Amino acid sequence: MRGAKQSGIHIFYVGTSRQSKARAEFFRDAMKKAGFDVAIKPDNAGQHSRLGELRDTESPALLFEIGNIKNAKDRQRMTSDKYLNKLADTIAKTTKDYLQRNDDK
């Protein structure tokens, strides 16, 4: 379980897939450019190795953790309409950009 000190957006990817890592890096870079605090993490070690959303899918997938509810700064951001709208717009734009540049069939 994440402690209150951990904060920011985390993008989890299938840890054994180079393609999944590259996809996560693409999103991280675009989101950082938009001003978000973002890190990527493989879903292959520790507590996060149980993320069935990634482990059990046959489709390309990333899992976004948009903040830590126990962290006061994250909680404040996650209750801001302005922040959430910017985050949603950035993820949507980045998804569109990614799909236009890559063939992930």
C-alpha atoms as a PDB file:
ATOM      1  CA  MET A   1       0.000   0.000   0.000  1.00  0.00           C
ATOM      2  CA  ARG A   2       1.315   3.453  -0.899  1.00  0.00           C
ATOM      3  CA  GLY A   3       2.238   5.740   1.966  1.00  0.00           C
ATOM      4  CA  ALA A   4       1.315   9.405   2.182  1.00  0.00           C
ATOM      5  CA  LYS A   5       4.788  10.461   0.979  1.00  0.00           C
ATOM      6  CA  GLN A   6       4.350   8.862  -2.446  1.00  0.00           C
ATOM      7  CA  SER A   7       2.710  11.162  -4.932  1.00  0.00           C
ATOM      8  CA  GLY A   8       2.190  11.933  -8.573  1.00  0.00           C
ATOM      9  CA  ILE A   9       0.948   9.965 -11.528  1.00  0.00           C
ATOM     10  CA  HIS A  10       2.256   6.447 -12.084  1.00  0.00           C
ATOM     11  CA  ILE A  11       1.881   4.594 -15.350  1.00  0.00           C
ATOM     12  CA  PHE A  12       2.200   0.834 -15.013  1.00  0.00           C
ATOM     13  CA  TYR A  13       3.165  -1.310 -17.993  1.00  0.00           C
ATOM     14  CA  VAL A  14       3.714  -5.008 -18.668  1.00  0.00           C
ATOM     15  CA  GLY A  15       7.223  -5.384 -17.283  1.00  0.00           C
ATOM     16  CA  THR A  16       8.301  -8.121 -19.655  1.00  0.00           C
ATOM     17  CA  SER A  17       7.345  -6.227 -22.830  1.00  0.00           C
ATOM     18  CA  ARG A  18       9.673  -3.747 -24.536  1.00  0.00           C
ATOM     19  CA  GLN A  19       6.715  -2.494 -26.575  1.00  0.00           C
ATOM     20  CA  SER A  20       4.696  -1.868 -23.415  1.00  0.00           C
ATOM     21  CA  LYS A  21       7.612   0.031 -21.834  1.00  0.00           C
ATOM     22  CA  ALA A  22       8.036   2.154 -24.979  1.00  0.00           C
ATOM     23  CA  ARG A  23       4.307   2.947 -24.903  1.00  0.00           C
ATOM     24  CA  ALA A  24       4.546   3.987 -21.241  1.00  0.00           C
ATOM     25  CA  GLU A  25       7.580   6.172 -22.023  1.00  0.00           C
ATOM     26  CA  PHE A  26       5.654   7.870 -24.836  1.00  0.00           C
ATOM     27  CA  PHE A  27       2.815   8.758 -22.452  1.00  0.00           C
ATOM     28  CA  ARG A  28       5.202   9.789 -19.667  1.00  0.00           C
ATOM     29  CA  ASP A  29       7.128  12.132 -21.945  1.00  0.00           C
ATOM     30  CA  ALA A  30       3.977  13.774 -23.334  1.00  0.00           C
ATOM     31  CA  MET A  31       2.466  14.170 -19.879  1.00  0.00           C
ATOM     32  CA  LYS A  32       5.670  15.644 -18.436  1.00  0.00           C
ATOM     33  CA  LYS A  33       5.731  18.102 -21.328  1.00  0.00           C
ATOM     34  CA  ALA A  34       2.193  19.123 -20.306  1.00  0.00           C
ATOM     35  CA  GLY A  35       3.444  19.780 -16.750  1.00  0.00           C
ATOM     36  CA  PHE A  36       2.440  16.609 -14.911  1.00  0.00           C
ATOM     37  CA  ASP A  37       4.577  14.742 -12.356  1.00  0.00           C
ATOM     38  CA  VAL A  38       4.741  11.272 -13.950  1.00  0.00           C
ATOM     39  CA  ALA A  39       6.738   8.087 -13.423  1.00  0.00           C
ATOM     40  CA  ILE A  40       6.527   4.732 -15.153  1.00  0.00           C
ATOM     41  CA  LYS A  41       6.746   1.409 -13.350  1.00  0.00           C
ATOM     42  CA  PRO A  42       6.831  -2.173 -14.590  1.00  0.00           C
ATOM     43  CA  ASP A  43       4.129  -4.508 -13.339  1.00  0.00           C
ATOM     44  CA  ASN A  44       6.562  -7.284 -12.534  1.00  0.00           C
ATOM     45  CA  ALA A  45       7.807  -6.811  -9.010  1.00  0.00           C
ATOM     46  CA  GLY A  46       6.492  -6.369  -5.501  1.00  0.00           C
ATOM     47  CA  GLN A  47       2.936  -5.400  -4.707  1.00  0.00           C
ATOM     48  CA  HIS A  48       2.114  -4.320  -8.234  1.00  0.00           C
ATOM     49  CA  SER A  49       2.754  -7.707  -9.855  1.00  0.00           C
ATOM     50  CA  ARG A  50      -0.854  -8.557  -9.141  1.00  0.00           C
ATOM     51  CA  LEU A  51      -2.381  -5.988 -11.498  1.00  0.00           C
ATOM     52  CA  GLY A  52      -4.712  -8.284 -13.391  1.00  0.00           C
ATOM     53  CA  GLU A  53      -5.689  -5.466 -15.743  1.00  0.00           C
ATOM     54  CA  LEU A  54      -2.200  -5.757 -17.216  1.00  0.00           C
ATOM     55  CA  ARG A  55      -1.368  -9.376 -16.492  1.00  0.00           C
ATOM     56  CA  ASP A  56      -4.538 -10.912 -17.910  1.00  0.00           C
ATOM     57  CA  THR A  57      -5.004  -8.873 -21.079  1.00  0.00           C
ATOM     58  CA  GLU A  58      -3.977  -9.852 -24.573  1.00  0.00           C
ATOM     59  CA  SER A  59      -4.423  -6.277 -25.824  1.00  0.00           C
ATOM     60  CA  PRO A  60      -1.895  -3.464 -25.455  1.00  0.00           C
ATOM     61  CA  ALA A  61      -2.548  -1.907 -22.047  1.00  0.00           C
ATOM     62  CA  LEU A  62      -1.292   0.669 -19.592  1.00  0.00           C
ATOM     63  CA  LEU A  63      -2.700   1.372 -16.146  1.00  0.00           C
ATOM     64  CA  PHE A  64      -2.732   4.973 -14.927  1.00  0.00           C
ATOM     65  CA  GLU A  65      -2.695   5.728 -11.204  1.00  0.00           C
ATOM     66  CA  ILE A  66      -3.561   9.420 -11.128  1.00  0.00           C
ATOM     67  CA  GLY A  67      -2.530  10.111  -7.551  1.00  0.00           C
ATOM     68  CA  ASN A  68      -2.331   8.965  -3.969  1.00  0.00           C
ATOM     69  CA  ILE A  69      -5.453   9.760  -1.976  1.00  0.00           C
ATOM     70  CA  LYS A  70      -3.384   9.622   1.244  1.00  0.00           C
ATOM     71  CA  ASN A  71      -1.131  12.436   0.004  1.00  0.00           C
ATOM     72  CA  ALA A  72      -2.590  15.893   0.721  1.00  0.00           C
ATOM     73  CA  LYS A  73      -1.110  17.492  -2.418  1.00  0.00           C
ATOM     74  CA  ASP A  74      -2.409  14.693  -4.662  1.00  0.00           C
ATOM     75  CA  ARG A  75      -5.805  14.785  -2.963  1.00  0.00           C
ATOM     76  CA  GLN A  76      -6.034  18.526  -3.623  1.00  0.00           C
ATOM     77  CA  ARG A  77      -5.167  18.015  -7.304  1.00  0.00           C
ATOM     78  CA  MET A  78      -7.638  15.132  -7.676  1.00  0.00           C
ATOM     79  CA  THR A  79     -10.469  17.317  -6.390  1.00  0.00           C
ATOM     80  CA  SER A  80      -9.713  20.150  -8.821  1.00  0.00           C
ATOM     81  CA  ASP A  81     -11.884  20.230 -11.941  1.00  0.00           C
ATOM     82  CA  LYS A  82      -9.199  22.262 -13.731  1.00  0.00           C
ATOM     83  CA  TYR A  83      -6.519  19.650 -12.974  1.00  0.00           C
ATOM     84  CA  LEU A  84      -8.729  16.678 -13.853  1.00  0.00           C
ATOM     85  CA  ASN A  85      -9.876  18.260 -17.123  1.00  0.00           C
ATOM     86  CA  LYS A  86      -6.280  19.021 -18.111  1.00  0.00           C
ATOM     87  CA  LEU A  87      -5.277  15.459 -17.213  1.00  0.00           C
ATOM     88  CA  ALA A  88      -8.143  13.936 -19.217  1.00  0.00           C
ATOM     89  CA  ASP A  89      -7.408  16.175 -22.205  1.00  0.00           C
ATOM     90  CA  THR A  90      -3.706  15.285 -22.082  1.00  0.00           C
ATOM     91  CA  ILE A  91      -4.369  11.540 -21.916  1.00  0.00           C
ATOM     92  CA  ALA A  92      -6.889  11.774 -24.779  1.00  0.00           C
ATOM     93  CA  LYS A  93      -4.531  13.832 -26.968  1.00  0.00           C
ATOM     94  CA  THR A  94      -1.593  11.558 -26.206  1.00  0.00           C
ATOM     95  CA  THR A  95      -3.665   8.473 -27.016  1.00  0.00           C
ATOM     96  CA  LYS A  96      -4.649   9.973 -30.360  1.00  0.00           C
ATOM     97  CA  ASP A  97      -1.033  10.983 -31.096  1.00  0.00           C
ATOM     98  CA  TYR A  98       0.214   7.523 -30.169  1.00  0.00           C
ATOM     99  CA  LEU A  99      -2.314   5.723 -32.356  1.00  0.00           C
ATOM    100  CA  GLN A 100      -1.572   7.982 -35.318  1.00  0.00           C
ATOM    101  CA  ARG A 101       2.164   7.201 -35.038  1.00  0.00           C
ATOM    102  CA  ASN A 102       2.089   3.513 -34.150  1.00  0.00           C
ATOM    103  CA  ASP A 103       0.488   0.323 -35.347  1.00  0.00           C
ATOM    104  CA  ASP A 104      -0.502  -1.601 -32.192  1.00  0.00           C
ATOM    105  CA  LYS A 105      -2.977  -4.002 -33.707  1.00  0.00           C
END
